[in-house]
Amino acid sequence: MRTIDGLTAAERAHYDEHGYVKLTGFAGQGDCERMLDRVVEITRAEAASGPPARRGGDGGRSATAGLVLPESNLAGRPGRPEELASKVFTLHRDEVFGGFAASPALTGLLAGLIGPGIDCFLSQFIFKNPGAWGQPWHQDSYYFAFEPARPVVGVSLAVTPATTSNGCLHVLPGSHRDPIHTHVPDRRPGANIGYVEIVDRDVSGAVAMPMDPGDLLVFDSHLVHRSSDNVTDGLRAAMTYHFAATGTRDLHPGVVNDFVTVR
């Protein structure tokens, strides 16, 4: 795990200018392996027994733990549960995933972007299995009806190699300065539940973000980004978290936001 306290001056300058920064070798191979092993265990357990019960009693700031969403484009294919999954939401109360979210290395760099009090409100493990489609151009803050609306910061940890062939992220540098664009439902028949897309933004300046296991992408919630299709026969896996300042109000609580103070 990275030992530097916060972002360096050069990393912070890159984040401020472009809306993201990639930190190579942030986590170790063991961290990635533990996450993958644990989420496979969760996914198989849900397939065997059904989704876990929804928590309650916290004023609407709860969610279904380990909520598994299937990959619509792979529906009907044979395979183990994790080979047919798209995303597993709300993992940051789990010891493995919550420990990473609350680690001093991660919260230390987030404090410089968000402030001293930090909540993790959303976590999702992404299975980009062979044949899975990418997610269209979007801004994460489109999904977040918060007061205050910003700052909100996302981080994506590469658990397996991410390449331009297996569905890595693509980002549009500088688009974190954009307002929230109009998003329309993903126009592809059979697209995953909840997928939307931006159709009114020039994205010709986008750049691909190939990553090695343990690399971390830190990005502003207004950054326009997408992922590409996985046209290989291997898995592209990543763990993504979203953070906001402690005290942020969720104006439209749903089934995946779960505010947990990590610093």
Protein backbone atom coordinates (compact mmCIF):
# COMPACT_ATOMS: atom_id res chain seq x y z
CA MET A 1 0.00 0.00 0.00
CA ARG A 2 1.25 3.50 -0.82
CA THR A 3 2.93 5.27 2.09
CA ILE A 4 2.95 8.87 0.81
CA ASP A 5 0.61 11.07 2.87
CA GLY A 6 -1.66 12.77 0.36
CA LEU A 7 -1.02 13.74 -3.24
CA THR A 8 2.30 15.19 -4.31
CA ALA A 9 2.31 18.71 -5.72
CA ALA A 10 2.58 17.34 -9.27
CA GLU A 11 -0.28 14.86 -8.71
CA ARG A 12 -2.51 17.55 -7.27
CA ALA A 13 -1.74 19.88 -10.17
CA HIS A 14 -2.67 17.15 -12.65
CA TYR A 15 -5.92 16.47 -10.80
CA ASP A 16 -6.84 20.16 -10.70
CA GLU A 17 -6.10 20.67 -14.40
CA HIS A 18 -7.50 17.47 -15.87
CA GLY A 19 -10.01 16.24 -13.29
CA TYR A 20 -8.20 12.98 -12.59
CA VAL A 21 -4.83 11.52 -11.66
CA LYS A 22 -3.53 7.97 -12.00
CA LEU A 23 -1.41 6.67 -9.13
CA THR A 24 0.66 3.69 -10.22
CA GLY A 25 1.31 0.90 -7.75
CA PHE A 26 -0.98 2.36 -5.09
CA ALA A 27 -2.00 -1.05 -3.72
CA GLY A 28 -0.26 -4.39 -3.61
CA GLN A 29 -1.05 -7.59 -5.47
CA GLY A 30 -2.28 -9.11 -2.21
CA ASP A 31 -4.91 -6.37 -1.84
CA CYS A 32 -6.21 -7.11 -5.33
CA GLU A 33 -6.29 -10.86 -4.79
CA ARG A 34 -8.16 -10.53 -1.50
CA MET A 35 -10.78 -8.32 -3.11
CA LEU A 36 -11.32 -10.67 -6.03
CA ASP A 37 -11.51 -13.75 -3.81
CA ARG A 38 -13.97 -12.05 -1.45
CA VAL A 39 -16.32 -10.71 -4.15
CA VAL A 40 -16.42 -14.10 -5.87
CA GLU A 41 -17.40 -15.59 -2.51
CA ILE A 42 -20.15 -12.96 -2.09
CA THR A 43 -21.44 -13.43 -5.63
CA ARG A 44 -21.64 -17.21 -5.32
CA ALA A 45 -23.30 -16.99 -1.91
CA GLU A 46 -26.00 -14.69 -3.28
CA ALA A 47 -26.60 -16.99 -6.23
CA ALA A 48 -27.10 -19.86 -3.80
CA SER A 49 -29.29 -18.14 -1.23
CA GLY A 50 -30.68 -14.96 -2.77
CA PRO A 51 -29.84 -11.29 -2.09
CA PRO A 52 -29.19 -10.17 1.50
CA ALA A 53 -31.88 -8.34 3.43
CA ARG A 54 -31.99 -4.58 3.24
CA ARG A 55 -30.79 -2.77 6.33
CA GLY A 56 -33.02 -0.12 7.87
CA GLY A 57 -33.51 2.29 10.71
CA ASP A 58 -30.97 4.89 9.72
CA GLY A 59 -33.11 7.54 8.11
CA GLY A 60 -32.86 6.24 4.59
CA ARG A 61 -29.07 6.15 4.48
CA SER A 62 -28.91 2.37 4.12
CA ALA A 63 -28.61 0.02 1.19
CA THR A 64 -28.60 -3.61 0.23
CA ALA A 65 -25.21 -5.08 1.12
CA GLY A 66 -23.51 -6.97 -1.69
CA LEU A 67 -26.21 -6.27 -4.29
CA VAL A 68 -25.29 -8.21 -7.44
CA LEU A 69 -26.37 -6.92 -10.86
CA PRO A 70 -26.19 -9.30 -13.82
CA GLU A 71 -24.52 -8.45 -17.12
CA SER A 72 -27.46 -8.05 -19.48
CA ASN A 73 -25.38 -8.72 -22.57
CA LEU A 74 -24.40 -12.14 -21.16
CA ALA A 75 -27.91 -13.22 -20.14
CA GLY A 76 -28.67 -16.84 -20.94
CA ARG A 77 -25.05 -17.93 -21.20
CA PRO A 78 -23.79 -20.76 -19.02
CA GLY A 79 -21.24 -19.84 -16.38
CA ARG A 80 -20.45 -19.41 -12.72
CA PRO A 81 -22.19 -16.51 -10.95
CA GLU A 82 -19.16 -14.20 -11.14
CA GLU A 83 -18.85 -14.90 -14.87
CA LEU A 84 -22.34 -13.52 -15.49
CA ALA A 85 -22.20 -10.55 -13.08
CA SER A 86 -21.76 -6.93 -14.07
CA LYS A 87 -21.36 -5.14 -10.72
CA VAL A 88 -21.59 -5.91 -7.03
CA PHE A 89 -22.70 -2.84 -5.05
CA THR A 90 -22.40 -1.72 -1.43
CA LEU A 91 -19.33 -3.56 -0.24
CA HIS A 92 -17.73 -0.93 1.99
CA ARG A 93 -19.13 -2.37 5.23
CA ASP A 94 -17.34 -5.63 4.44
CA GLU A 95 -14.00 -6.02 6.22
CA VAL A 96 -11.94 -6.46 3.06
CA PHE A 97 -13.45 -3.60 1.06
CA GLY A 98 -14.17 -1.33 4.01
CA GLY A 99 -10.63 -1.70 5.25
CA PHE A 100 -9.29 -0.36 1.97
CA ALA A 101 -11.82 2.51 1.89
CA ALA A 102 -10.79 3.62 5.39
CA SER A 103 -7.05 3.06 4.97
CA PRO A 104 -4.82 6.01 5.93
CA ALA A 105 -3.19 5.91 2.51
CA LEU A 106 -6.50 6.46 0.73
CA THR A 107 -8.23 8.79 3.18
CA GLY A 108 -5.04 10.82 3.47
CA LEU A 109 -5.11 11.78 -0.19
CA LEU A 110 -8.89 12.26 -0.17
CA ALA A 111 -8.66 14.70 2.74
CA GLY A 112 -6.82 17.13 0.50
CA LEU A 113 -9.64 16.97 -2.06
CA ILE A 114 -12.71 16.72 0.18
CA GLY A 115 -11.79 17.93 3.66
CA PRO A 116 -11.11 16.33 7.04
CA GLY A 117 -14.45 14.52 7.41
CA ILE A 118 -15.03 11.91 4.71
CA ASP A 119 -17.88 9.49 4.02
CA CYS A 120 -17.77 6.59 1.60
CA PHE A 121 -21.30 6.44 0.21
CA LEU A 122 -21.01 4.07 -2.75
CA SER A 123 -18.87 1.07 -3.62
CA GLN A 124 -19.03 -1.30 -6.53
CA PHE A 125 -16.91 -4.16 -7.76
CA ILE A 126 -16.91 -4.24 -11.55
CA PHE A 127 -16.75 -7.55 -13.41
CA LYS A 128 -16.00 -6.81 -17.05
CA ASN A 129 -16.27 -10.38 -18.25
CA PRO A 130 -15.48 -11.49 -21.80
CA GLY A 131 -18.18 -10.18 -24.12
CA ALA A 132 -19.40 -7.51 -21.70
CA TRP A 133 -20.26 -4.14 -23.17
CA GLY A 134 -18.71 -0.94 -21.92
CA GLN A 135 -20.59 1.81 -20.12
CA PRO A 136 -21.31 4.86 -22.31
CA TRP A 137 -20.02 8.39 -21.74
CA HIS A 138 -21.42 9.73 -18.48
CA GLN A 139 -20.70 11.78 -15.36
CA ASP A 140 -21.05 10.08 -12.01
CA SER A 141 -22.68 13.12 -10.41
CA TYR A 142 -25.64 12.59 -12.73
CA TYR A 143 -26.61 9.80 -10.30
CA PHE A 144 -25.97 11.78 -7.10
CA ALA A 145 -28.63 14.23 -5.88
CA PHE A 146 -26.60 15.66 -2.99
CA GLU A 147 -26.54 18.81 -0.90
CA PRO A 148 -23.92 20.15 -1.22
CA ALA A 149 -23.40 18.73 -4.69
CA ARG A 150 -19.61 18.85 -4.48
CA PRO A 151 -16.95 17.83 -3.75
CA VAL A 152 -17.50 14.20 -4.68
CA VAL A 153 -14.48 12.09 -5.58
CA GLY A 154 -14.34 8.63 -7.13
CA VAL A 155 -11.47 6.17 -7.05
CA SER A 156 -11.08 3.07 -9.20
CA LEU A 157 -8.58 0.38 -8.27
CA ALA A 158 -7.43 -1.96 -11.03
CA VAL A 159 -7.76 -5.49 -9.63
CA THR A 160 -6.67 -7.15 -12.87
CA PRO A 161 -4.93 -5.58 -15.88
CA ALA A 162 -7.06 -3.01 -17.72
CA THR A 163 -6.32 -2.60 -21.42
CA THR A 164 -7.94 -1.00 -24.44
CA SER A 165 -9.03 -4.49 -25.51
CA ASN A 166 -10.61 -5.71 -22.27
CA GLY A 167 -12.64 -2.64 -21.38
CA CYS A 168 -10.46 -0.04 -19.66
CA LEU A 169 -11.74 3.41 -18.77
CA HIS A 170 -11.51 6.37 -21.14
CA VAL A 171 -11.58 9.91 -19.72
CA LEU A 172 -12.10 13.39 -21.17
CA PRO A 173 -9.44 15.64 -19.60
CA GLY A 174 -10.75 18.95 -18.29
CA SER A 175 -14.42 17.92 -18.44
CA HIS A 176 -14.66 18.12 -14.63
CA ARG A 177 -15.31 21.83 -15.23
CA ASP A 178 -18.48 20.99 -17.18
CA PRO A 179 -21.93 21.23 -15.64
CA ILE A 180 -23.93 18.01 -15.53
CA HIS A 181 -24.89 17.23 -19.10
CA THR A 182 -28.19 15.85 -20.26
CA HIS A 183 -28.06 12.07 -20.02
CA VAL A 184 -30.36 9.81 -22.02
CA PRO A 185 -30.99 6.08 -21.48
CA ASP A 186 -28.37 3.83 -23.09
CA ARG A 187 -29.72 3.39 -26.60
CA ARG A 188 -28.37 -0.14 -27.13
CA PRO A 189 -31.08 -2.83 -26.88
CA GLY A 190 -30.36 -5.02 -23.89
CA ALA A 191 -28.09 -2.53 -22.12
CA ASN A 192 -27.47 -2.91 -18.39
CA ILE A 193 -29.97 -1.49 -15.91
CA GLY A 194 -29.17 2.13 -15.05
CA TYR A 195 -26.85 2.81 -17.98
CA VAL A 196 -27.24 6.28 -19.46
CA GLU A 197 -25.20 8.26 -21.95
CA ILE A 198 -24.19 11.79 -22.86
CA VAL A 199 -24.83 12.64 -26.51
CA ASP A 200 -24.23 16.42 -26.55
CA ARG A 201 -20.49 16.59 -25.74
CA ASP A 202 -17.49 16.54 -28.07
CA VAL A 203 -15.29 13.71 -26.75
CA SER A 204 -12.62 13.79 -29.44
CA GLY A 205 -9.98 14.71 -26.86
CA ALA A 206 -10.56 11.59 -24.74
CA VAL A 207 -7.68 9.40 -23.61
CA ALA A 208 -7.60 5.73 -22.62
CA MET A 209 -6.55 4.72 -19.10
CA PRO A 210 -4.80 1.34 -19.25
CA MET A 211 -3.86 0.23 -15.72
CA ASP A 212 -1.92 -2.51 -14.00
CA PRO A 213 -3.23 -4.32 -10.90
CA GLY A 214 -2.82 -1.99 -7.92
CA ASP A 215 -2.99 1.22 -9.95
CA LEU A 216 -5.56 3.74 -8.69
CA LEU A 217 -7.46 6.34 -10.72
CA VAL A 218 -8.70 9.30 -8.64
CA PHE A 219 -11.30 11.43 -10.42
CA ASP A 220 -13.80 14.24 -9.95
CA SER A 221 -17.47 13.26 -10.12
CA HIS A 222 -18.09 15.67 -13.01
CA LEU A 223 -15.42 14.05 -15.20
CA VAL A 224 -16.89 12.70 -18.44
CA HIS A 225 -15.75 9.10 -18.84
CA ARG A 226 -16.71 5.71 -20.23
CA SER A 227 -15.47 2.14 -20.47
CA SER A 228 -15.04 0.11 -23.65
CA ASP A 229 -16.21 -3.41 -24.51
CA ASN A 230 -14.25 -6.45 -23.41
CA VAL A 231 -13.37 -8.18 -26.67
CA THR A 232 -10.86 -10.55 -25.06
CA ASP A 233 -11.34 -13.93 -23.40
CA GLY A 234 -10.15 -12.67 -20.00
CA LEU A 235 -11.64 -10.74 -17.08
CA ARG A 236 -11.12 -7.03 -16.47
CA ALA A 237 -11.96 -6.37 -12.81
CA ALA A 238 -11.90 -3.14 -10.80
CA MET A 239 -13.10 -1.88 -7.42
CA THR A 240 -14.64 1.59 -7.37
CA TYR A 241 -15.55 3.80 -4.41
CA HIS A 242 -17.18 7.24 -4.19
CA PHE A 243 -16.61 9.71 -1.37
CA ALA A 244 -18.20 12.94 -0.13
CA ALA A 245 -17.78 15.24 2.86
CA THR A 246 -19.29 14.00 6.09
CA GLY A 247 -22.69 15.66 6.53
CA THR A 248 -23.59 15.55 2.84
CA ARG A 249 -27.34 15.04 2.41
CA ASP A 250 -28.70 12.48 -0.05
CA LEU A 251 -31.85 14.11 -1.41
CA HIS A 252 -33.11 10.99 -3.18
CA PRO A 253 -31.87 7.93 -1.29
CA GLY A 254 -31.86 4.77 -3.35
CA VAL A 255 -30.85 1.16 -2.98
CA VAL A 256 -27.08 1.53 -3.43
CA ASN A 257 -26.00 4.63 -1.50
CA ASP A 258 -24.84 3.86 2.04
CA PHE A 259 -23.02 6.66 3.89
CA VAL A 260 -20.23 5.37 6.13
CA THR A 261 -17.71 7.71 7.76
CA VAL A 262 -14.18 6.59 6.96
CA ARG A 263 -12.31 9.62 8.35
